Amino acid sequence: MKFIGEPVETIKSKEYYTEVEIGDERFTIGSYVEVADEDRPDINDIGRIEYMWKDGRGEIGRASCRARV
């Protein structure tokens, strides 16, 4: 995972970004993503990326669940 560009905001130790590259795909705020759950291999969630940040411990993002497939 690689954040693209400069942070758009910094709050405490978190740097917020609008775009990330994972493998050969890019995702932005508002993108919909399929989220797999190891505890429920037969059910995946579809989430919309609300924000993503990087802090001293690693890279983290948040997606709100909109639908389940």
PDB file of N, CA and C in Angstrom:
ATOM      1  N   MET A   1       0.853  -1.166   0.000  1.00  0.00           N
ATOM      2  CA  MET A   1       0.000   0.000   0.000  1.00  0.00           C
ATOM      3  C   MET A   1       0.895   1.224   0.000  1.00  0.00           C
ATOM      4  N   LYS A   2       0.579   2.168  -0.903  1.00  0.00           N
ATOM      5  CA  LYS A   2       1.368   3.392  -1.019  1.00  0.00           C
ATOM      6  C   LYS A   2       0.418   4.573  -1.166  1.00  0.00           C
ATOM      7  N   PHE A   3       0.570   5.538  -0.270  1.00  0.00           N
ATOM      8  CA  PHE A   3      -0.248   6.737  -0.375  1.00  0.00           C
ATOM      9  C   PHE A   3       0.303   7.624  -1.485  1.00  0.00           C
ATOM     10  N   ILE A   4      -0.604   8.262  -2.231  1.00  0.00           N
ATOM     11  CA  ILE A   4      -0.253   9.091  -3.379  1.00  0.00           C
ATOM     12  C   ILE A   4      -0.363  10.562  -2.974  1.00  0.00           C
ATOM     13  N   GLY A   5       0.650  11.329  -3.320  1.00  0.00           N
ATOM     14  CA  GLY A   5       0.627  12.764  -3.065  1.00  0.00           C
ATOM     15  C   GLY A   5       0.970  13.118  -1.631  1.00  0.00           C
ATOM     16  N   GLU A   6       0.755  14.382  -1.337  1.00  0.00           N
ATOM     17  CA  GLU A   6       1.014  14.913  -0.006  1.00  0.00           C
ATOM     18  C   GLU A   6      -0.235  14.767   0.860  1.00  0.00           C
ATOM     19  N   PRO A   7      -0.076  14.690   2.185  1.00  0.00           N
ATOM     20  CA  PRO A   7      -1.252  14.642   3.043  1.00  0.00           C
ATOM     21  C   PRO A   7      -2.092  15.908   2.883  1.00  0.00           C
ATOM     22  N   VAL A   8      -3.404  15.746   2.919  1.00  0.00           N
ATOM     23  CA  VAL A   8      -4.299  16.899   2.797  1.00  0.00           C
ATOM     24  C   VAL A   8      -4.570  17.528   4.155  1.00  0.00           C
ATOM     25  N   GLU A   9      -4.302  16.761   5.223  1.00  0.00           N
ATOM     26  CA  GLU A   9      -4.513  17.266   6.574  1.00  0.00           C
ATOM     27  C   GLU A   9      -3.698  16.415   7.542  1.00  0.00           C
ATOM     28  N   THR A  10      -3.235  17.024   8.616  1.00  0.00           N
ATOM     29  CA  THR A  10      -2.542  16.292   9.672  1.00  0.00           C
ATOM     30  C   THR A  10      -3.205  16.650  10.993  1.00  0.00           C
ATOM     31  N   ILE A  11      -3.644  15.619  11.711  1.00  0.00           N
ATOM     32  CA  ILE A  11      -4.256  15.803  13.020  1.00  0.00           C
ATOM     33  C   ILE A  11      -3.525  14.882  13.979  1.00  0.00           C
ATOM     34  N   LYS A  12      -2.915  15.488  14.987  1.00  0.00           N
ATOM     35  CA  LYS A  12      -2.059  14.768  15.935  1.00  0.00           C
ATOM     36  C   LYS A  12      -1.025  13.985  15.145  1.00  0.00           C
ATOM     37  N   SER A  13      -0.991  12.673  15.262  1.00  0.00           N
ATOM     38  CA  SER A  13       0.037  11.900  14.550  1.00  0.00           C
ATOM     39  C   SER A  13      -0.479  11.303  13.239  1.00  0.00           C
ATOM     40  N   LYS A  14      -1.717  11.610  12.842  1.00  0.00           N
ATOM     41  CA  LYS A  14      -2.300  11.034  11.631  1.00  0.00           C
ATOM     42  C   LYS A  14      -2.195  11.989  10.452  1.00  0.00           C
ATOM     43  N   GLU A  15      -1.691  11.465   9.328  1.00  0.00           N
ATOM     44  CA  GLU A  15      -1.650  12.213   8.075  1.00  0.00           C
ATOM     45  C   GLU A  15      -2.731  11.635   7.163  1.00  0.00           C
ATOM     46  N   TYR A  16      -3.661  12.475   6.736  1.00  0.00           N
ATOM     47  CA  TYR A  16      -4.792  12.041   5.914  1.00  0.00           C
ATOM     48  C   TYR A  16      -4.490  12.254   4.437  1.00  0.00           C
ATOM     49  N   TYR A  17      -4.881  11.256   3.633  1.00  0.00           N
ATOM     50  CA  TYR A  17      -4.640  11.272   2.188  1.00  0.00           C
ATOM     51  C   TYR A  17      -5.955  11.071   1.441  1.00  0.00           C
ATOM     52  N   THR A  18      -5.964  11.417   0.155  1.00  0.00           N
ATOM     53  CA  THR A  18      -7.153  11.229  -0.675  1.00  0.00           C
ATOM     54  C   THR A  18      -7.005  10.086  -1.665  1.00  0.00           C
ATOM     55  N   GLU A  19      -5.794   9.545  -1.812  1.00  0.00           N
ATOM     56  CA  GLU A  19      -5.576   8.495  -2.808  1.00  0.00           C
ATOM     57  C   GLU A  19      -4.522   7.509  -2.311  1.00  0.00           C
ATOM     58  N   VAL A  20      -4.744   6.226  -2.626  1.00  0.00           N
ATOM     59  CA  VAL A  20      -3.814   5.169  -2.242  1.00  0.00           C
ATOM     60  C   VAL A  20      -3.665   4.201  -3.407  1.00  0.00           C
ATOM     61  N   GLU A  21      -2.497   3.606  -3.510  1.00  0.00           N
ATOM     62  CA  GLU A  21      -2.249   2.579  -4.528  1.00  0.00           C
ATOM     63  C   GLU A  21      -1.996   1.258  -3.814  1.00  0.00           C
ATOM     64  N   ILE A  22      -2.750   0.248  -4.212  1.00  0.00           N
ATOM     65  CA  ILE A  22      -2.589  -1.100  -3.666  1.00  0.00           C
ATOM     66  C   ILE A  22      -2.386  -2.025  -4.856  1.00  0.00           C
ATOM     67  N   GLY A  23      -1.190  -2.598  -4.939  1.00  0.00           N
ATOM     68  CA  GLY A  23      -0.860  -3.395  -6.120  1.00  0.00           C
ATOM     69  C   GLY A  23      -0.866  -2.502  -7.345  1.00  0.00           C
ATOM     70  N   ASP A  24      -1.658  -2.873  -8.343  1.00  0.00           N
ATOM     71  CA  ASP A  24      -1.736  -2.055  -9.561  1.00  0.00           C
ATOM     72  C   ASP A  24      -3.032  -1.261  -9.646  1.00  0.00           C
ATOM     73  N   GLU A  25      -3.742  -1.113  -8.505  1.00  0.00           N
ATOM     74  CA  GLU A  25      -5.000  -0.367  -8.493  1.00  0.00           C
ATOM     75  C   GLU A  25      -4.883   0.856  -7.605  1.00  0.00           C
ATOM     76  N   ARG A  26      -5.597   1.924  -7.995  1.00  0.00           N
ATOM     77  CA  ARG A  26      -5.658   3.134  -7.190  1.00  0.00           C
ATOM     78  C   ARG A  26      -7.078   3.330  -6.679  1.00  0.00           C
ATOM     79  N   PHE A  27      -7.163   3.803  -5.444  1.00  0.00           N
ATOM     80  CA  PHE A  27      -8.442   4.058  -4.801  1.00  0.00           C
ATOM     81  C   PHE A  27      -8.434   5.465  -4.230  1.00  0.00           C
ATOM     82  N   THR A  28      -9.588   6.132  -4.286  1.00  0.00           N
ATOM     83  CA  THR A  28      -9.715   7.485  -3.765  1.00  0.00           C
ATOM     84  C   THR A  28     -10.863   7.529  -2.758  1.00  0.00           C
ATOM     85  N   ILE A  29     -10.947   8.643  -2.042  1.00  0.00           N
ATOM     86  CA  ILE A  29     -12.079   8.846  -1.155  1.00  0.00           C
ATOM     87  C   ILE A  29     -13.348   8.731  -1.999  1.00  0.00           C
ATOM     88  N   GLY A  30     -14.305   7.957  -1.542  1.00  0.00           N
ATOM     89  CA  GLY A  30     -15.542   7.746  -2.287  1.00  0.00           C
ATOM     90  C   GLY A  30     -15.554   6.466  -3.099  1.00  0.00           C
ATOM     91  N   SER A  31     -14.400   5.827  -3.266  1.00  0.00           N
ATOM     92  CA  SER A  31     -14.337   4.554  -4.004  1.00  0.00           C
ATOM     93  C   SER A  31     -15.052   3.457  -3.222  1.00  0.00           C
ATOM     94  N   TYR A  32     -15.655   2.545  -3.958  1.00  0.00           N
ATOM     95  CA  TYR A  32     -16.261   1.366  -3.345  1.00  0.00           C
ATOM     96  C   TYR A  32     -15.287   0.201  -3.469  1.00  0.00           C
ATOM     97  N   VAL A  33     -15.154  -0.564  -2.391  1.00  0.00           N
ATOM     98  CA  VAL A  33     -14.216  -1.682  -2.365  1.00  0.00           C
ATOM     99  C   VAL A  33     -14.899  -2.913  -1.774  1.00  0.00           C
ATOM    100  N   GLU A  34     -14.446  -4.070  -2.219  1.00  0.00           N
ATOM    101  CA  GLU A  34     -14.929  -5.333  -1.657  1.00  0.00           C
ATOM    102  C   GLU A  34     -13.985  -5.728  -0.527  1.00  0.00           C
ATOM    103  N   VAL A  35     -14.566  -6.033   0.629  1.00  0.00           N
ATOM    104  CA  VAL A  35     -13.782  -6.347   1.819  1.00  0.00           C
ATOM    105  C   VAL A  35     -14.055  -7.790   2.225  1.00  0.00           C
ATOM    106  N   ALA A  36     -13.003  -8.599   2.244  1.00  0.00           N
ATOM    107  CA  ALA A  36     -13.129 -10.007   2.646  1.00  0.00           C
ATOM    108  C   ALA A  36     -12.921 -10.123   4.152  1.00  0.00           C
ATOM    109  N   ASP A  37     -13.611 -11.050   4.764  1.00  0.00           N
ATOM    110  CA  ASP A  37     -13.495 -11.313   6.199  1.00  0.00           C
ATOM    111  C   ASP A  37     -13.080 -12.765   6.382  1.00  0.00           C
ATOM    112  N   GLU A  38     -11.918 -12.987   6.979  1.00  0.00           N
ATOM    113  CA  GLU A  38     -11.420 -14.355   7.157  1.00  0.00           C
ATOM    114  C   GLU A  38     -12.369 -15.201   8.000  1.00  0.00           C
ATOM    115  N   ASP A  39     -13.116 -14.575   8.903  1.00  0.00           N
ATOM    116  CA  ASP A  39     -14.051 -15.314   9.757  1.00  0.00           C
ATOM    117  C   ASP A  39     -15.340 -15.681   9.031  1.00  0.00           C
ATOM    118  N   ARG A  40     -15.615 -15.010   7.910  1.00  0.00           N
ATOM    119  CA  ARG A  40     -16.825 -15.286   7.117  1.00  0.00           C
ATOM    120  C   ARG A  40     -16.434 -15.380   5.648  1.00  0.00           C
ATOM    121  N   PRO A  41     -15.757 -16.457   5.244  1.00  0.00           N
ATOM    122  CA  PRO A  41     -15.248 -16.540   3.866  1.00  0.00           C
ATOM    123  C   PRO A  41     -16.339 -16.565   2.797  1.00  0.00           C
ATOM    124  N   ASP A  42     -17.562 -16.894   3.167  1.00  0.00           N
ATOM    125  CA  ASP A  42     -18.647 -16.966   2.187  1.00  0.00           C
ATOM    126  C   ASP A  42     -19.397 -15.644   2.027  1.00  0.00           C
ATOM    127  N   ILE A  43     -19.062 -14.630   2.855  1.00  0.00           N
ATOM    128  CA  ILE A  43     -19.748 -13.342   2.796  1.00  0.00           C
ATOM    129  C   ILE A  43     -18.711 -12.229   2.720  1.00  0.00           C
ATOM    130  N   ASN A  44     -18.813 -11.384   1.710  1.00  0.00           N
ATOM    131  CA  ASN A  44     -17.956 -10.207   1.594  1.00  0.00           C
ATOM    132  C   ASN A  44     -18.800  -8.958   1.758  1.00  0.00           C
ATOM    133  N   ASP A  45     -18.184  -7.897   2.228  1.00  0.00           N
ATOM    134  CA  ASP A  45     -18.855  -6.612   2.351  1.00  0.00           C
ATOM    135  C   ASP A  45     -18.383  -5.693   1.237  1.00  0.00           C
ATOM    136  N   ILE A  46     -19.256  -4.770   0.852  1.00  0.00           N
ATOM    137  CA  ILE A  46     -18.890  -3.699  -0.060  1.00  0.00           C
ATOM    138  C   ILE A  46     -18.860  -2.440   0.789  1.00  0.00           C
ATOM    139  N   GLY A  47     -17.718  -1.752   0.778  1.00  0.00           N
ATOM    140  CA  GLY A  47     -17.576  -0.554   1.591  1.00  0.00           C
ATOM    141  C   GLY A  47     -17.213   0.633   0.733  1.00  0.00           C
ATOM    142  N   ARG A  48     -17.542   1.820   1.214  1.00  0.00           N
ATOM    143  CA  ARG A  48     -17.179   3.070   0.548  1.00  0.00           C
ATOM    144  C   ARG A  48     -16.104   3.727   1.405  1.00  0.00           C
ATOM    145  N   ILE A  49     -14.982   4.069   0.805  1.00  0.00           N
ATOM    146  CA  ILE A  49     -13.884   4.661   1.555  1.00  0.00           C
ATOM    147  C   ILE A  49     -14.268   6.069   1.993  1.00  0.00           C
ATOM    148  N   GLU A  50     -14.266   6.297   3.300  1.00  0.00           N
ATOM    149  CA  GLU A  50     -14.597   7.613   3.850  1.00  0.00           C
ATOM    150  C   GLU A  50     -13.347   8.437   4.095  1.00  0.00           C
ATOM    151  N   TYR A  51     -12.326   7.808   4.611  1.00  0.00           N
ATOM    152  CA  TYR A  51     -11.051   8.485   4.806  1.00  0.00           C
ATOM    153  C   TYR A  51      -9.959   7.450   4.962  1.00  0.00           C
ATOM    154  N   MET A  52      -8.718   7.899   4.790  1.00  0.00           N
ATOM    155  CA  MET A  52      -7.579   7.007   4.964  1.00  0.00           C
ATOM    156  C   MET A  52      -6.428   7.823   5.520  1.00  0.00           C
ATOM    157  N   TRP A  53      -5.661   7.187   6.405  1.00  0.00           N
ATOM    158  CA  TRP A  53      -4.585   7.904   7.048  1.00  0.00           C
ATOM    159  C   TRP A  53      -3.381   7.027   7.274  1.00  0.00           C
ATOM    160  N   LYS A  54      -2.289   7.667   7.581  1.00  0.00           N
ATOM    161  CA  LYS A  54      -1.043   6.997   7.931  1.00  0.00           C
ATOM    162  C   LYS A  54      -0.569   7.603   9.245  1.00  0.00           C
ATOM    163  N   ASP A  55      -0.119   6.744  10.163  1.00  0.00           N
ATOM    164  CA  ASP A  55       0.472   7.249  11.391  1.00  0.00           C
ATOM    165  C   ASP A  55       1.783   6.508  11.658  1.00  0.00           C
ATOM    166  N   GLY A  56       2.398   6.758  12.778  1.00  0.00           N
ATOM    167  CA  GLY A  56       3.685   6.170  13.090  1.00  0.00           C
ATOM    168  C   GLY A  56       3.674   4.655  13.202  1.00  0.00           C
ATOM    169  N   ARG A  57       2.514   4.058  13.407  1.00  0.00           N
ATOM    170  CA  ARG A  57       2.413   2.608  13.561  1.00  0.00           C
ATOM    171  C   ARG A  57       2.114   1.888  12.257  1.00  0.00           C
ATOM    172  N   GLY A  58       1.782   2.615  11.219  1.00  0.00           N
ATOM    173  CA  GLY A  58       1.462   1.950   9.963  1.00  0.00           C
ATOM    174  C   GLY A  58       0.413   2.695   9.182  1.00  0.00           C
ATOM    175  N   GLU A  59      -0.166   2.032   8.205  1.00  0.00           N
ATOM    176  CA  GLU A  59      -1.124   2.635   7.298  1.00  0.00           C
ATOM    177  C   GLU A  59      -2.493   2.054   7.574  1.00  0.00           C
ATOM    178  N   ILE A  60      -3.461   2.917   7.700  1.00  0.00           N
ATOM    179  CA  ILE A  60      -4.794   2.495   8.105  1.00  0.00           C
ATOM    180  C   ILE A  60      -5.817   3.247   7.262  1.00  0.00           C
ATOM    181  N   GLY A  61      -6.946   2.632   7.016  1.00  0.00           N
ATOM    182  CA  GLY A  61      -8.040   3.304   6.329  1.00  0.00           C
ATOM    183  C   GLY A  61      -9.364   2.935   6.971  1.00  0.00           C
ATOM    184  N   ARG A  62     -10.404   3.609   6.576  1.00  0.00           N
ATOM    185  CA  ARG A  62     -11.729   3.294   7.103  1.00  0.00           C
ATOM    186  C   ARG A  62     -12.710   3.301   5.952  1.00  0.00           C
ATOM    187  N   ALA A  63     -13.558   2.298   5.935  1.00  0.00           N
ATOM    188  CA  ALA A  63     -14.617   2.224   4.929  1.00  0.00           C
ATOM    189  C   ALA A  63     -15.934   1.982   5.646  1.00  0.00           C
ATOM    190  N   SER A  64     -16.974   2.633   5.193  1.00  0.00           N
ATOM    191  CA  SER A  64     -18.288   2.368   5.780  1.00  0.00           C
ATOM    192  C   SER A  64     -18.983   1.325   4.908  1.00  0.00           C
ATOM    193  N   CYS A  65     -19.635   0.379   5.526  1.00  0.00           N
ATOM    194  CA  CYS A  65     -20.295  -0.707   4.800  1.00  0.00           C
ATOM    195  C   CYS A  65     -21.614  -0.212   4.230  1.00  0.00           C
ATOM    196  N   ARG A  66     -21.809  -0.391   2.927  1.00  0.00           N
ATOM    197  CA  ARG A  66     -23.046   0.043   2.271  1.00  0.00           C
ATOM    198  C   ARG A  66     -23.911  -1.136   1.827  1.00  0.00           C
ATOM    199  N   ALA A  67     -23.293  -2.267   1.537  1.00  0.00           N
ATOM    200  CA  ALA A  67     -24.048  -3.426   1.066  1.00  0.00           C
ATOM    201  C   ALA A  67     -23.258  -4.690   1.353  1.00  0.00           C
ATOM    202  N   ARG A  68     -23.914  -5.797   1.339  1.00  0.00           N
ATOM    203  CA  ARG A  68     -23.264  -7.083   1.550  1.00  0.00           C
ATOM    204  C   ARG A  68     -23.580  -7.974   0.356  1.00  0.00           C
ATOM    205  N   VAL A  69     -22.545  -8.680  -0.153  1.00  0.00           N
ATOM    206  CA  VAL A  69     -22.767  -9.583  -1.292  1.00  0.00           C
ATOM    207  C   VAL A  69     -22.478 -11.007  -0.898  1.00  0.00           C
TER     208      VAL A  69
END
